[in-house]
């Protein structure tokens, strides 16, 4: 307790002598934390592409690649409003 009192007593007397400085020193970490809170976590948020559709149309497992490509073209034409 003596070592804690040795550290605490000068800080306490500083705070009593300069109350504005003590409040500013105490408020500085809070202000920095609030400023950092607006930045933190943004790198983990994906960009939203709200106008896009995710359409999953599974093909039979043994269908050839050319046939699957035709299906995809057909689906895209329907999505674009073109005649298939």
C-alpha atoms as a PDB file:
ATOM      1  CA  UNK A   1       0.000   0.000   0.000  1.00  0.00           C
ATOM      2  CA  UNK A   2       2.918   2.356   0.607  1.00  0.00           C
ATOM      3  CA  UNK A   3       4.092   2.067  -3.000  1.00  0.00           C
ATOM      4  CA  UNK A   4       0.585   2.687  -4.277  1.00  0.00           C
ATOM      5  CA  UNK A   5       0.256   5.687  -1.962  1.00  0.00           C
ATOM      6  CA  UNK A   6       3.613   7.040  -3.223  1.00  0.00           C
ATOM      7  CA  UNK A   7       2.297   6.962  -6.801  1.00  0.00           C
ATOM      8  CA  UNK A   8      -1.205   8.127  -5.963  1.00  0.00           C
ATOM      9  CA  UNK A   9      -0.430  11.105  -3.695  1.00  0.00           C
ATOM     10  CA  UNK A  10       1.397  13.255  -6.301  1.00  0.00           C
ATOM     11  CA  UNK A  11      -1.264  12.526  -8.918  1.00  0.00           C
ATOM     12  CA  UNK A  12      -4.013  13.423  -6.474  1.00  0.00           C
ATOM     13  CA  UNK A  13      -2.389  16.695  -5.465  1.00  0.00           C
ATOM     14  CA  UNK A  14      -1.839  17.541  -9.171  1.00  0.00           C
ATOM     15  CA  UNK A  15      -5.541  16.930  -9.823  1.00  0.00           C
ATOM     16  CA  UNK A  16      -6.540  19.138  -6.889  1.00  0.00           C
ATOM     17  CA  UNK A  17      -4.226  21.959  -7.965  1.00  0.00           C
ATOM     18  CA  UNK A  18      -5.154  21.836 -11.673  1.00  0.00           C
ATOM     19  CA  UNK A  19      -8.709  20.493 -12.015  1.00  0.00           C
ATOM     20  CA  UNK A  20      -9.123  21.507 -15.675  1.00  0.00           C
ATOM     21  CA  UNK A  21      -5.921  19.752 -16.686  1.00  0.00           C
ATOM     22  CA  UNK A  22      -6.959  16.671 -14.742  1.00  0.00           C
ATOM     23  CA  UNK A  23     -10.345  16.556 -16.482  1.00  0.00           C
ATOM     24  CA  UNK A  24      -8.707  17.030 -19.895  1.00  0.00           C
ATOM     25  CA  UNK A  25      -6.191  14.259 -19.180  1.00  0.00           C
ATOM     26  CA  UNK A  26      -9.009  11.985 -18.071  1.00  0.00           C
ATOM     27  CA  UNK A  27     -11.218  12.829 -21.048  1.00  0.00           C
ATOM     28  CA  UNK A  28      -8.470  12.386 -23.666  1.00  0.00           C
ATOM     29  CA  UNK A  29      -8.527   8.547 -23.657  1.00  0.00           C
ATOM     30  CA  UNK A  30     -12.328   8.561 -23.826  1.00  0.00           C
ATOM     31  CA  UNK A  31     -12.313  10.900 -26.824  1.00  0.00           C
ATOM     32  CA  UNK A  32      -9.623   8.814 -28.548  1.00  0.00           C
ATOM     33  CA  UNK A  33     -11.589   5.623 -27.931  1.00  0.00           C
ATOM     34  CA  UNK A  34     -14.763   7.160 -29.374  1.00  0.00           C
ATOM     35  CA  UNK A  35     -12.862   8.361 -32.433  1.00  0.00           C
ATOM     36  CA  UNK A  36     -11.331   4.918 -32.940  1.00  0.00           C
ATOM     37  CA  UNK A  37     -14.699   3.198 -32.517  1.00  0.00           C
ATOM     38  CA  UNK A  38     -15.910   4.697 -35.788  1.00  0.00           C
ATOM     39  CA  UNK A  39     -12.961   3.205 -37.678  1.00  0.00           C
ATOM     40  CA  UNK A  40     -12.626  -0.204 -36.056  1.00  0.00           C
ATOM     41  CA  UNK A  41     -14.314  -3.135 -37.719  1.00  0.00           C
ATOM     42  CA  UNK A  42     -14.757  -1.584 -41.152  1.00  0.00           C
ATOM     43  CA  UNK A  43     -12.182  -3.828 -42.771  1.00  0.00           C
ATOM     44  CA  UNK A  44     -14.255  -6.871 -41.835  1.00  0.00           C
ATOM     45  CA  UNK A  45     -17.485  -5.632 -43.391  1.00  0.00           C
ATOM     46  CA  UNK A  46     -18.015  -6.781 -46.971  1.00  0.00           C
ATOM     47  CA  UNK A  47     -19.165  -4.310 -49.580  1.00  0.00           C
ATOM     48  CA  UNK A  48     -22.883  -4.798 -50.169  1.00  0.00           C
ATOM     49  CA  UNK A  49     -23.989  -5.242 -53.730  1.00  0.00           C
ATOM     50  CA  UNK A  50     -27.699  -4.964 -53.147  1.00  0.00           C
ATOM     51  CA  UNK A  51     -28.707  -4.836 -56.806  1.00  0.00           C
ATOM     52  CA  UNK A  52     -27.170  -8.212 -57.633  1.00  0.00           C
ATOM     53  CA  UNK A  53     -28.945 -11.537 -57.536  1.00  0.00           C
ATOM     54  CA  UNK A  54     -27.315 -14.806 -56.605  1.00  0.00           C
ATOM     55  CA  UNK A  55     -29.009 -17.461 -58.661  1.00  0.00           C
ATOM     56  CA  UNK A  56     -28.003 -21.057 -58.203  1.00  0.00           C
ATOM     57  CA  UNK A  57     -29.147 -23.400 -60.911  1.00  0.00           C
ATOM     58  CA  UNK A  58     -27.583 -26.829 -60.490  1.00  0.00           C
ATOM     59  CA  UNK A  59     -27.091 -28.931 -63.621  1.00  0.00           C
ATOM     60  CA  UNK A  60     -27.086 -32.705 -63.739  1.00  0.00           C
ATOM     61  CA  UNK A  61     -23.700 -34.057 -62.575  1.00  0.00           C
ATOM     62  CA  UNK A  62     -22.817 -35.658 -65.907  1.00  0.00           C
ATOM     63  CA  UNK A  63     -23.939 -32.808 -68.178  1.00  0.00           C
ATOM     64  CA  UNK A  64     -21.242 -31.585 -70.591  1.00  0.00           C
ATOM     65  CA  UNK A  65     -19.664 -28.173 -70.102  1.00  0.00           C
ATOM     66  CA  UNK A  66     -21.154 -26.839 -73.349  1.00  0.00           C
ATOM     67  CA  UNK A  67     -24.668 -27.709 -72.211  1.00  0.00           C
ATOM     68  CA  UNK A  68     -24.080 -26.009 -68.845  1.00  0.00           C
ATOM     69  CA  UNK A  69     -22.786 -22.917 -70.658  1.00  0.00           C
ATOM     70  CA  UNK A  70     -25.982 -22.854 -72.742  1.00  0.00           C
ATOM     71  CA  UNK A  71     -28.063 -23.032 -69.558  1.00  0.00           C
ATOM     72  CA  UNK A  72     -26.144 -20.125 -68.085  1.00  0.00           C
ATOM     73  CA  UNK A  73     -26.661 -18.063 -71.249  1.00  0.00           C
ATOM     74  CA  UNK A  74     -30.367 -18.899 -71.189  1.00  0.00           C
ATOM     75  CA  UNK A  75     -30.690 -17.849 -67.535  1.00  0.00           C
ATOM     76  CA  UNK A  76     -28.810 -14.589 -68.174  1.00  0.00           C
ATOM     77  CA  UNK A  77     -31.056 -13.807 -71.135  1.00  0.00           C
ATOM     78  CA  UNK A  78     -34.158 -14.350 -69.006  1.00  0.00           C
ATOM     79  CA  UNK A  79     -32.691 -12.160 -66.263  1.00  0.00           C
ATOM     80  CA  UNK A  80     -31.870  -9.375 -68.750  1.00  0.00           C
ATOM     81  CA  UNK A  81     -35.409  -9.502 -70.162  1.00  0.00           C
ATOM     82  CA  UNK A  82     -34.292 -10.757 -73.555  1.00  0.00           C
ATOM     83  CA  UNK A  83     -36.026 -13.558 -75.410  1.00  0.00           C
ATOM     84  CA  UNK A  84     -34.335 -16.869 -74.586  1.00  0.00           C
END
